PDB file of N, CA and C in Angstrom:
ATOM      1  N   MET A   1     169.422  67.297-281.981  1.00  0.00           N
ATOM      2  CA  MET A   1     167.745  66.930-282.335  1.00  0.00           C
ATOM      3  C   MET A   1     167.371  67.873-283.187  1.00  0.00           C
ATOM      4  N   LEU A   2     166.453  67.200-284.397  1.00  0.00           N
ATOM      5  CA  LEU A   2     165.644  68.072-285.327  1.00  0.00           C
ATOM      6  C   LEU A   2     164.381  68.085-285.020  1.00  0.00           C
ATOM      7  N   ILE A   3     163.613  69.189-286.143  1.00  0.00           N
ATOM      8  CA  ILE A   3     162.465  69.528-285.859  1.00  0.00           C
ATOM      9  C   ILE A   3     161.829  69.327-287.345  1.00  0.00           C
ATOM     10  N   TYR A   4     160.738  68.005-287.779  1.00  0.00           N
ATOM     11  CA  TYR A   4     160.559  68.162-288.991  1.00  0.00           C
ATOM     12  C   TYR A   4     159.206  68.794-289.051  1.00  0.00           C
ATOM     13  N   ASN A   5     158.753  70.036-289.548  1.00  0.00           N
ATOM     14  CA  ASN A   5     157.642  71.077-289.366  1.00  0.00           C
ATOM     15  C   ASN A   5     156.772  70.984-290.630  1.00  0.00           C
ATOM     16  N   VAL A   6     155.393  70.628-290.421  1.00  0.00           N
ATOM     17  CA  VAL A   6     154.877  70.659-291.548  1.00  0.00           C
ATOM     18  C   VAL A   6     153.595  71.816-291.274  1.00  0.00           C
ATOM     19  N   THR A   7     153.495  72.514-292.149  1.00  0.00           N
ATOM     20  CA  THR A   7     152.665  73.933-291.930  1.00  0.00           C
ATOM     21  C   THR A   7     151.602  73.459-293.085  1.00  0.00           C
ATOM     22  N   ILE A   8     150.075  73.446-292.282  1.00  0.00           N
ATOM     23  CA  ILE A   8     148.747  73.215-293.300  1.00  0.00           C
ATOM     24  C   ILE A   8     148.052  74.210-293.238  1.00  0.00           C
ATOM     25  N   ASN A   9     147.665  74.710-294.255  1.00  0.00           N
ATOM     26  CA  ASN A   9     146.211  75.598-294.134  1.00  0.00           C
ATOM     27  C   ASN A   9     145.264  74.501-294.863  1.00  0.00           C
ATOM     28  N   ILE A  10     144.043  74.381-294.279  1.00  0.00           N
ATOM     29  CA  ILE A  10     143.010  73.710-294.201  1.00  0.00           C
ATOM     30  C   ILE A  10     141.784  74.414-294.656  1.00  0.00           C
ATOM     31  N   ASP A  11     140.810  73.945-295.350  1.00  0.00           N
ATOM     32  CA  ASP A  11     139.894  74.404-295.743  1.00  0.00           C
ATOM     33  C   ASP A  11     138.732  74.444-294.527  1.00  0.00           C
ATOM     34  N   GLU A  12     138.037  75.542-294.362  1.00  0.00           N
ATOM     35  CA  GLU A  12     137.342  75.726-293.172  1.00  0.00           C
ATOM     36  C   GLU A  12     136.159  74.573-293.148  1.00  0.00           C
ATOM     37  N   GLU A  13     135.755  74.387-294.484  1.00  0.00           N
ATOM     38  CA  GLU A  13     134.629  73.028-294.721  1.00  0.00           C
ATOM     39  C   GLU A  13     134.878  71.783-293.850  1.00  0.00           C
ATOM     40  N   VAL A  14     136.104  71.603-294.359  1.00  0.00           N
ATOM     41  CA  VAL A  14     136.439  70.236-293.500  1.00  0.00           C
ATOM     42  C   VAL A  14     137.465  70.455-292.195  1.00  0.00           C
ATOM     43  N   HIS A  15     137.543  71.297-291.943  1.00  0.00           N
ATOM     44  CA  HIS A  15     138.411  71.656-290.525  1.00  0.00           C
ATOM     45  C   HIS A  15     138.298  71.000-289.392  1.00  0.00           C
ATOM     46  N   HIS A  16     136.953  70.715-289.141  1.00  0.00           N
ATOM     47  CA  HIS A  16     136.864  70.239-287.783  1.00  0.00           C
ATOM     48  C   HIS A  16     137.125  68.409-287.859  1.00  0.00           C
ATOM     49  N   ASP A  17     136.674  68.172-288.897  1.00  0.00           N
ATOM     50  CA  ASP A  17     136.863  66.589-289.342  1.00  0.00           C
ATOM     51  C   ASP A  17     138.573  66.347-289.507  1.00  0.00           C
ATOM     52  N   TRP A  18     139.178  67.320-290.234  1.00  0.00           N
ATOM     53  CA  TRP A  18     140.481  67.242-290.361  1.00  0.00           C
ATOM     54  C   TRP A  18     141.518  67.298-288.855  1.00  0.00           C
ATOM     55  N   LEU A  19     140.940  68.025-288.008  1.00  0.00           N
ATOM     56  CA  LEU A  19     141.809  68.535-286.872  1.00  0.00           C
ATOM     57  C   LEU A  19     141.406  67.017-285.859  1.00  0.00           C
ATOM     58  N   GLN A  20     140.121  66.548-285.937  1.00  0.00           N
ATOM     59  CA  GLN A  20     140.247  65.324-285.255  1.00  0.00           C
ATOM     60  C   GLN A  20     141.084  64.279-285.852  1.00  0.00           C
ATOM     61  N   TRP A  21     140.620  63.850-286.933  1.00  0.00           N
ATOM     62  CA  TRP A  21     141.655  63.098-287.909  1.00  0.00           C
ATOM     63  C   TRP A  21     143.398  63.119-287.417  1.00  0.00           C
ATOM     64  N   MET A  22     144.054  64.570-287.559  1.00  0.00           N
ATOM     65  CA  MET A  22     145.388  64.701-287.201  1.00  0.00           C
ATOM     66  C   MET A  22     145.213  64.374-285.663  1.00  0.00           C
ATOM     67  N   LYS A  23     144.605  64.723-284.882  1.00  0.00           N
ATOM     68  CA  LYS A  23     144.465  64.648-283.553  1.00  0.00           C
ATOM     69  C   LYS A  23     144.651  62.832-282.805  1.00  0.00           C
ATOM     70  N   GLU A  24     143.671  61.929-283.604  1.00  0.00           N
ATOM     71  CA  GLU A  24     143.378  60.640-283.134  1.00  0.00           C
ATOM     72  C   GLU A  24     144.179  59.797-284.246  1.00  0.00           C
ATOM     73  N   THR A  25     144.663  60.130-285.260  1.00  0.00           N
ATOM     74  CA  THR A  25     145.192  59.173-286.266  1.00  0.00           C
ATOM     75  C   THR A  25     146.452  59.600-286.955  1.00  0.00           C
ATOM     76  N   HIS A  26     146.640  60.614-287.914  1.00  0.00           N
ATOM     77  CA  HIS A  26     147.787  61.216-288.266  1.00  0.00           C
ATOM     78  C   HIS A  26     149.056  61.094-287.531  1.00  0.00           C
ATOM     79  N   ILE A  27     148.716  62.056-286.343  1.00  0.00           N
ATOM     80  CA  ILE A  27     149.792  62.448-285.681  1.00  0.00           C
ATOM     81  C   ILE A  27     150.592  61.045-284.710  1.00  0.00           C
ATOM     82  N   PRO A  28     149.326  60.305-284.247  1.00  0.00           N
ATOM     83  CA  PRO A  28     149.891  59.034-283.875  1.00  0.00           C
ATOM     84  C   PRO A  28     150.556  57.896-284.613  1.00  0.00           C
ATOM     85  N   ASP A  29     149.919  58.024-285.982  1.00  0.00           N
ATOM     86  CA  ASP A  29     150.595  57.270-286.943  1.00  0.00           C
ATOM     87  C   ASP A  29     152.255  57.828-287.264  1.00  0.00           C
ATOM     88  N   MET A  30     152.450  58.993-286.977  1.00  0.00           N
ATOM     89  CA  MET A  30     153.686  59.474-287.443  1.00  0.00           C
ATOM     90  C   MET A  30     154.196  59.188-286.325  1.00  0.00           C
ATOM     91  N   ILE A  31     154.024  59.273-285.050  1.00  0.00           N
ATOM     92  CA  ILE A  31     154.771  58.836-284.056  1.00  0.00           C
ATOM     93  C   ILE A  31     155.110  57.232-284.135  1.00  0.00           C
ATOM     94  N   ALA A  32     154.015  56.568-284.397  1.00  0.00           N
ATOM     95  CA  ALA A  32     154.132  55.227-284.437  1.00  0.00           C
ATOM     96  C   ALA A  32     155.338  54.573-285.362  1.00  0.00           C
ATOM     97  N   THR A  33     155.758  55.284-286.205  1.00  0.00           N
ATOM     98  CA  THR A  33     156.993  55.112-287.139  1.00  0.00           C
ATOM     99  C   THR A  33     158.073  54.678-286.291  1.00  0.00           C
ATOM    100  N   GLY A  34     158.247  55.053-284.853  1.00  0.00           N
ATOM    101  CA  GLY A  34     159.536  55.199-284.471  1.00  0.00           C
ATOM    102  C   GLY A  34     160.735  55.986-284.615  1.00  0.00           C
ATOM    103  N   LYS A  35     160.108  56.810-285.782  1.00  0.00           N
ATOM    104  CA  LYS A  35     161.128  58.127-286.025  1.00  0.00           C
ATOM    105  C   LYS A  35     160.946  59.500-285.397  1.00  0.00           C
ATOM    106  N   PHE A  36     159.774  59.538-284.570  1.00  0.00           N
ATOM    107  CA  PHE A  36     159.743  60.861-283.982  1.00  0.00           C
ATOM    108  C   PHE A  36     159.685  60.574-282.246  1.00  0.00           C
ATOM    109  N   THR A  37     160.235  61.327-281.515  1.00  0.00           N
ATOM    110  CA  THR A  37     160.145  61.103-279.978  1.00  0.00           C
ATOM    111  C   THR A  37     158.789  61.759-279.678  1.00  0.00           C
ATOM    112  N   ASN A  38     158.423  62.789-280.148  1.00  0.00           N
ATOM    113  CA  ASN A  38     157.007  63.469-279.892  1.00  0.00           C
ATOM    114  C   ASN A  38     156.808  64.617-280.947  1.00  0.00           C
ATOM    115  N   ALA A  39     155.476  65.309-280.473  1.00  0.00           N
ATOM    116  CA  ALA A  39     154.833  65.872-281.811  1.00  0.00           C
ATOM    117  C   ALA A  39     154.279  67.209-281.087  1.00  0.00           C
ATOM    118  N   ARG A  40     154.212  68.281-281.682  1.00  0.00           N
ATOM    119  CA  ARG A  40     153.569  69.600-281.166  1.00  0.00           C
ATOM    120  C   ARG A  40     152.502  69.898-282.283  1.00  0.00           C
ATOM    121  N   MET A  41     151.391  70.511-281.997  1.00  0.00           N
ATOM    122  CA  MET A  41     150.508  71.164-283.123  1.00  0.00           C
ATOM    123  C   MET A  41     150.250  72.618-282.664  1.00  0.00           C
ATOM    124  N   VAL A  42     150.474  73.531-283.411  1.00  0.00           N
ATOM    125  CA  VAL A  42     150.058  74.568-282.790  1.00  0.00           C
ATOM    126  C   VAL A  42     149.123  75.353-283.951  1.00  0.00           C
ATOM    127  N   LYS A  43     148.320  76.298-283.491  1.00  0.00           N
ATOM    128  CA  LYS A  43     147.445  76.874-284.772  1.00  0.00           C
ATOM    129  C   LYS A  43     148.188  78.389-284.709  1.00  0.00           C
ATOM    130  N   VAL A  44     148.347  78.633-286.261  1.00  0.00           N
ATOM    131  CA  VAL A  44     148.980  79.695-286.549  1.00  0.00           C
ATOM    132  C   VAL A  44     147.625  80.977-286.357  1.00  0.00           C
ATOM    133  N   LEU A  45     148.121  81.901-285.424  1.00  0.00           N
ATOM    134  CA  LEU A  45     146.915  82.892-285.476  1.00  0.00           C
ATOM    135  C   LEU A  45     146.898  84.282-286.271  1.00  0.00           C
ATOM    136  N   VAL A  46     147.566  84.099-287.469  1.00  0.00           N
ATOM    137  CA  VAL A  46     147.594  84.831-288.455  1.00  0.00           C
ATOM    138  C   VAL A  46     146.385  84.626-289.526  1.00  0.00           C
ATOM    139  N   GLU A  47     145.594  85.605-289.823  1.00  0.00           N
ATOM    140  CA  GLU A  47     144.731  85.085-291.059  1.00  0.00           C
ATOM    141  C   GLU A  47     145.220  85.343-292.580  1.00  0.00           C
ATOM    142  N   GLU A  48     144.974  84.059-293.185  1.00  0.00           N
ATOM    143  CA  GLU A  48     145.555  83.998-294.298  1.00  0.00           C
ATOM    144  C   GLU A  48     144.626  84.553-295.410  1.00  0.00           C
ATOM    145  N   GLU A  49     145.305  85.373-296.425  1.00  0.00           N
ATOM    146  CA  GLU A  49     144.374  86.104-297.391  1.00  0.00           C
ATOM    147  C   GLU A  49     143.372  85.062-298.368  1.00  0.00           C
ATOM    148  N   MET A  50     143.908  83.718-298.462  1.00  0.00           N
ATOM    149  CA  MET A  50     143.261  82.792-298.962  1.00  0.00           C
ATOM    150  C   MET A  50     142.497  82.295-298.147  1.00  0.00           C
ATOM    151  N   GLY A  51     142.122  82.388-296.946  1.00  0.00           N
ATOM    152  CA  GLY A  51     141.304  81.798-296.184  1.00  0.00           C
ATOM    153  C   GLY A  51     141.787  80.646-295.491  1.00  0.00           C
ATOM    154  N   GLY A  52     140.993  79.624-294.864  1.00  0.00           N
ATOM    155  CA  GLY A  52     141.255  78.448-294.325  1.00  0.00           C
ATOM    156  C   GLY A  52     141.915  78.940-292.861  1.00  0.00           C
ATOM    157  N   ILE A  53     142.407  77.736-292.238  1.00  0.00           N
ATOM    158  CA  ILE A  53     142.923  77.940-291.034  1.00  0.00           C
ATOM    159  C   ILE A  53     144.063  77.309-291.102  1.00  0.00           C
ATOM    160  N   THR A  54     145.324  77.941-290.572  1.00  0.00           N
ATOM    161  CA  THR A  54     146.408  77.167-290.683  1.00  0.00           C
ATOM    162  C   THR A  54     147.156  76.687-289.287  1.00  0.00           C
ATOM    163  N   TYR A  55     148.069  75.533-289.535  1.00  0.00           N
ATOM    164  CA  TYR A  55     148.396  74.980-288.210  1.00  0.00           C
ATOM    165  C   TYR A  55     149.753  74.636-288.653  1.00  0.00           C
ATOM    166  N   SER A  56     150.924  74.644-287.534  1.00  0.00           N
ATOM    167  CA  SER A  56     152.068  74.158-287.728  1.00  0.00           C
ATOM    168  C   SER A  56     152.022  72.895-286.897  1.00  0.00           C
ATOM    169  N   VAL A  57     152.672  71.795-287.658  1.00  0.00           N
ATOM    170  CA  VAL A  57     153.304  70.369-286.670  1.00  0.00           C
ATOM    171  C   VAL A  57     154.625  70.210-286.743  1.00  0.00           C
ATOM    172  N   GLN A  58     155.100  70.220-285.369  1.00  0.00           N
ATOM    173  CA  GLN A  58     156.227  69.821-285.283  1.00  0.00           C
ATOM    174  C   GLN A  58     156.436  68.537-284.619  1.00  0.00           C
ATOM    175  N   TYR A  59     157.277  67.778-285.612  1.00  0.00           N
ATOM    176  CA  TYR A  59     157.428  66.547-285.256  1.00  0.00           C
ATOM    177  C   TYR A  59     159.344  66.422-284.601  1.00  0.00           C
ATOM    178  N   PHE A  60     159.397  65.898-283.589  1.00  0.00           N
ATOM    179  CA  PHE A  60     160.819  66.122-283.137  1.00  0.00           C
ATOM    180  C   PHE A  60     161.553  64.722-283.380  1.00  0.00           C
ATOM    181  N   THR A  61     162.788  64.794-284.060  1.00  0.00           N
ATOM    182  CA  THR A  61     163.490  63.495-284.120  1.00  0.00           C
ATOM    183  C   THR A  61     164.844  63.623-283.625  1.00  0.00           C
ATOM    184  N   GLN A  62     165.594  62.535-283.447  1.00  0.00           N
ATOM    185  CA  GLN A  62     167.051  62.730-282.789  1.00  0.00           C
ATOM    186  C   GLN A  62     167.946  62.974-283.733  1.00  0.00           C
ATOM    187  N   ASP A  63     168.142  62.752-285.279  1.00  0.00           N
ATOM    188  CA  ASP A  63     169.324  63.304-286.187  1.00  0.00           C
ATOM    189  C   ASP A  63     168.388  63.071-287.501  1.00  0.00           C
ATOM    190  N   ARG A  64     169.586  63.456-288.220  1.00  0.00           N
ATOM    191  CA  ARG A  64     169.663  63.725-289.897  1.00  0.00           C
ATOM    192  C   ARG A  64     169.133  62.217-290.532  1.00  0.00           C
ATOM    193  N   ALA A  65     169.753  61.004-289.868  1.00  0.00           N
ATOM    194  CA  ALA A  65     169.883  59.733-290.568  1.00  0.00           C
ATOM    195  C   ALA A  65     168.079  59.192-290.218  1.00  0.00           C
ATOM    196  N   THR A  66     167.590  59.808-289.147  1.00  0.00           N
ATOM    197  CA  THR A  66     166.504  59.046-288.468  1.00  0.00           C
ATOM    198  C   THR A  66     165.413  59.825-289.593  1.00  0.00           C
ATOM    199  N   LEU A  67     165.335  60.874-289.734  1.00  0.00           N
ATOM    200  CA  LEU A  67     164.235  61.704-290.558  1.00  0.00           C
ATOM    201  C   LEU A  67     164.824  61.307-292.215  1.00  0.00           C
ATOM    202  N   GLU A  68     165.902  60.996-292.679  1.00  0.00           N
ATOM    203  CA  GLU A  68     165.905  60.292-293.820  1.00  0.00           C
ATOM    204  C   GLU A  68     165.415  58.953-294.079  1.00  0.00           C
ATOM    205  N   ARG A  69     165.489  58.211-292.971  1.00  0.00           N
ATOM    206  CA  ARG A  69     164.689  56.803-292.990  1.00  0.00           C
ATOM    207  C   ARG A  69     163.039  57.486-292.997  1.00  0.00           C
ATOM    208  N   TYR A  70     162.553  58.299-292.266  1.00  0.00           N
ATOM    209  CA  TYR A  70     161.384  58.494-292.388  1.00  0.00           C
ATOM    210  C   TYR A  70     160.786  58.855-293.678  1.00  0.00           C
ATOM    211  N   TYR A  71     161.748  59.750-294.574  1.00  0.00           N
ATOM    212  CA  TYR A  71     161.629  59.855-295.889  1.00  0.00           C
ATOM    213  C   TYR A  71     161.513  58.755-296.916  1.00  0.00           C
ATOM    214  N   LYS A  72     162.216  57.938-296.756  1.00  0.00           N
ATOM    215  CA  LYS A  72     162.396  56.423-297.243  1.00  0.00           C
ATOM    216  C   LYS A  72     161.311  55.646-297.029  1.00  0.00           C
ATOM    217  N   GLU A  73     160.971  55.376-295.797  1.00  0.00           N
ATOM    218  CA  GLU A  73     160.114  54.455-295.464  1.00  0.00           C
ATOM    219  C   GLU A  73     158.736  54.590-295.245  1.00  0.00           C
ATOM    220  N   ASP A  74     158.526  55.720-294.822  1.00  0.00           N
ATOM    221  CA  ASP A  74     157.170  55.923-294.343  1.00  0.00           C
ATOM    222  C   ASP A  74     156.202  57.450-295.024  1.00  0.00           C
ATOM    223  N   SER A  75     156.965  58.135-295.373  1.00  0.00           N
ATOM    224  CA  SER A  75     156.268  59.539-295.471  1.00  0.00           C
ATOM    225  C   SER A  75     155.321  59.344-296.990  1.00  0.00           C
ATOM    226  N   GLU A  76     155.881  58.550-298.094  1.00  0.00           N
ATOM    227  CA  GLU A  76     154.760  58.544-299.165  1.00  0.00           C
ATOM    228  C   GLU A  76     153.523  58.044-298.630  1.00  0.00           C
ATOM    229  N   ARG A  77     153.282  56.936-297.705  1.00  0.00           N
ATOM    230  CA  ARG A  77     152.290  56.476-297.362  1.00  0.00           C
ATOM    231  C   ARG A  77     151.418  57.222-296.448  1.00  0.00           C
ATOM    232  N   LEU A  78     152.142  57.852-295.635  1.00  0.00           N
ATOM    233  CA  LEU A  78     151.386  58.688-294.857  1.00  0.00           C
ATOM    234  C   LEU A  78     150.676  60.241-295.459  1.00  0.00           C
ATOM    235  N   ARG A  79     151.599  60.600-296.664  1.00  0.00           N
ATOM    236  CA  ARG A  79     151.205  61.886-297.343  1.00  0.00           C
ATOM    237  C   ARG A  79     150.016  61.442-298.276  1.00  0.00           C
ATOM    238  N   ALA A  80     150.160  60.201-298.496  1.00  0.00           N
ATOM    239  CA  ALA A  80     148.795  59.858-299.351  1.00  0.00           C
ATOM    240  C   ALA A  80     147.662  59.405-298.787  1.00  0.00           C
ATOM    241  N   ASP A  81     147.723  59.323-297.572  1.00  0.00           N
ATOM    242  CA  ASP A  81     146.536  59.033-296.700  1.00  0.00           C
ATOM    243  C   ASP A  81     145.846  60.460-296.424  1.00  0.00           C
ATOM    244  N   ALA A  82     146.666  61.227-296.504  1.00  0.00           N
ATOM    245  CA  ALA A  82     146.060  62.746-296.487  1.00  0.00           C
ATOM    246  C   ALA A  82     145.633  63.198-297.482  1.00  0.00           C
ATOM    247  N   GLN A  83     146.310  62.889-298.686  1.00  0.00           N
ATOM    248  CA  GLN A  83     145.630  63.509-300.219  1.00  0.00           C
ATOM    249  C   GLN A  83     144.127  62.649-300.158  1.00  0.00           C
ATOM    250  N   ARG A  84     144.303  61.278-299.792  1.00  0.00           N
ATOM    251  CA  ARG A  84     143.211  60.286-299.966  1.00  0.00           C
ATOM    252  C   ARG A  84     142.012  61.266-299.317  1.00  0.00           C
ATOM    253  N   ARG A  85     141.969  61.448-298.451  1.00  0.00           N
ATOM    254  CA  ARG A  85     141.330  61.908-297.176  1.00  0.00           C
ATOM    255  C   ARG A  85     140.615  63.609-297.828  1.00  0.00           C
ATOM    256  N   TYR A  86     141.776  64.437-297.844  1.00  0.00           N
ATOM    257  CA  TYR A  86     141.657  65.769-298.100  1.00  0.00           C
ATOM    258  C   TYR A  86     142.050  66.571-299.189  1.00  0.00           C
ATOM    259  N   ALA A  87     142.042  65.836-300.585  1.00  0.00           N
ATOM    260  CA  ALA A  87     142.473  66.125-301.705  1.00  0.00           C
ATOM    261  C   ALA A  87     141.765  67.511-302.094  1.00  0.00           C
ATOM    262  N   ASP A  88     142.490  68.577-302.358  1.00  0.00           N
ATOM    263  CA  ASP A  88     142.116  69.855-302.760  1.00  0.00           C
ATOM    264  C   ASP A  88     141.605  70.625-301.632  1.00  0.00           C
ATOM    265  N   LYS A  89     141.678  70.261-300.409  1.00  0.00           N
ATOM    266  CA  LYS A  89     141.069  70.949-299.156  1.00  0.00           C
ATOM    267  C   LYS A  89     142.333  71.549-298.620  1.00  0.00           C
ATOM    268  N   PHE A  90     143.441  71.547-298.765  1.00  0.00           N
ATOM    269  CA  PHE A  90     144.785  71.955-297.690  1.00  0.00           C
ATOM    270  C   PHE A  90     145.806  72.074-298.728  1.00  0.00           C
ATOM    271  N   VAL A  91     146.675  72.607-298.487  1.00  0.00           N
ATOM    272  CA  VAL A  91     147.859  72.813-298.862  1.00  0.00           C
ATOM    273  C   VAL A  91     149.031  73.154-297.631  1.00  0.00           C
ATOM    274  N   ALA A  92     150.133  72.286-298.193  1.00  0.00           N
ATOM    275  CA  ALA A  92     151.179  71.971-296.971  1.00  0.00           C
ATOM    276  C   ALA A  92     152.330  72.391-297.210  1.00  0.00           C
ATOM    277  N   PHE A  93     153.781  73.080-296.655  1.00  0.00           N
ATOM    278  CA  PHE A  93     154.849  72.876-296.798  1.00  0.00           C
ATOM    279  C   PHE A  93     155.501  72.489-295.631  1.00  0.00           C
ATOM    280  N   ARG A  94     156.756  71.678-296.288  1.00  0.00           N
ATOM    281  CA  ARG A  94     157.737  71.182-294.873  1.00  0.00           C
ATOM    282  C   ARG A  94     158.873  72.020-294.746  1.00  0.00           C
ATOM    283  N   THR A  95     159.257  71.886-293.614  1.00  0.00           N
ATOM    284  CA  THR A  95     160.566  72.651-293.314  1.00  0.00           C
ATOM    285  C   THR A  95     161.249  71.720-292.365  1.00  0.00           C
ATOM    286  N   GLU A  96     162.864  71.695-292.439  1.00  0.00           N
ATOM    287  CA  GLU A  96     163.369  71.166-291.776  1.00  0.00           C
ATOM    288  C   GLU A  96     164.134  72.120-290.716  1.00  0.00           C
ATOM    289  N   LEU A  97     164.068  71.921-289.164  1.00  0.00           N
ATOM    290  CA  LEU A  97     164.674  72.698-288.261  1.00  0.00           C
ATOM    291  C   LEU A  97     165.583  72.187-287.167  1.00  0.00           C
ATOM    292  N   GLU A  98     166.453  72.863-287.128  1.00  0.00           N
ATOM    293  CA  GLU A  98     167.723  72.525-286.140  1.00  0.00           C
ATOM    294  C   GLU A  98     167.494  73.351-284.682  1.00  0.00           C
ATOM    295  N   ILE A  99     167.376  72.370-283.961  1.00  0.00           N
ATOM    296  CA  ILE A  99     167.402  73.127-282.504  1.00  0.00           C
ATOM    297  C   ILE A  99     168.750  73.591-282.078  1.00  0.00           C
ATOM    298  N   VAL A 100     168.835  75.125-282.004  1.00  0.00           N
ATOM    299  CA  VAL A 100     170.374  75.382-281.651  1.00  0.00           C
ATOM    300  C   VAL A 100     170.428  75.695-279.927  1.00  0.00           C
ATOM    301  N   SER A 101     169.427  75.996-279.373  1.00  0.00           N
ATOM    302  CA  SER A 101     169.430  76.177-278.009  1.00  0.00           C
ATOM    303  C   SER A 101     168.341  76.088-277.411  1.00  0.00           C
ATOM    304  N   GLU A 102     168.091  76.011-276.039  1.00  0.00           N
ATOM    305  CA  GLU A 102     166.359  76.022-275.330  1.00  0.00           C
ATOM    306  C   GLU A 102     167.127  76.322-274.045  1.00  0.00           C
ATOM    307  N   HIS A 103     166.189  77.439-273.765  1.00  0.00           N
ATOM    308  CA  HIS A 103     166.267  77.839-272.282  1.00  0.00           C
ATOM    309  C   HIS A 103     164.949  77.427-271.478  1.00  0.00           C
TER     310      HIS A 103
END
């Protein structure tokens, strides 16, 4: 199992609207691609020098092939939606993680 992790720092000015959009629209849209089994959203508790509020969203997927299909078939459209709504109000970086063990 892999985790597609997206860390986002969102401007406080649009934070509440963005958070609602993430919970009600974006995360459900990601799950609806059929490439992810579930998602977890966590708030980063360290204050950033640049300001804003930081979150990590972890999308769980079965394997690399499924994640590659997401990149090829869905990522451009879903990223464009975020850019259209919140341009210049956030920064994001993505990380692929492999689950080694769970206890």
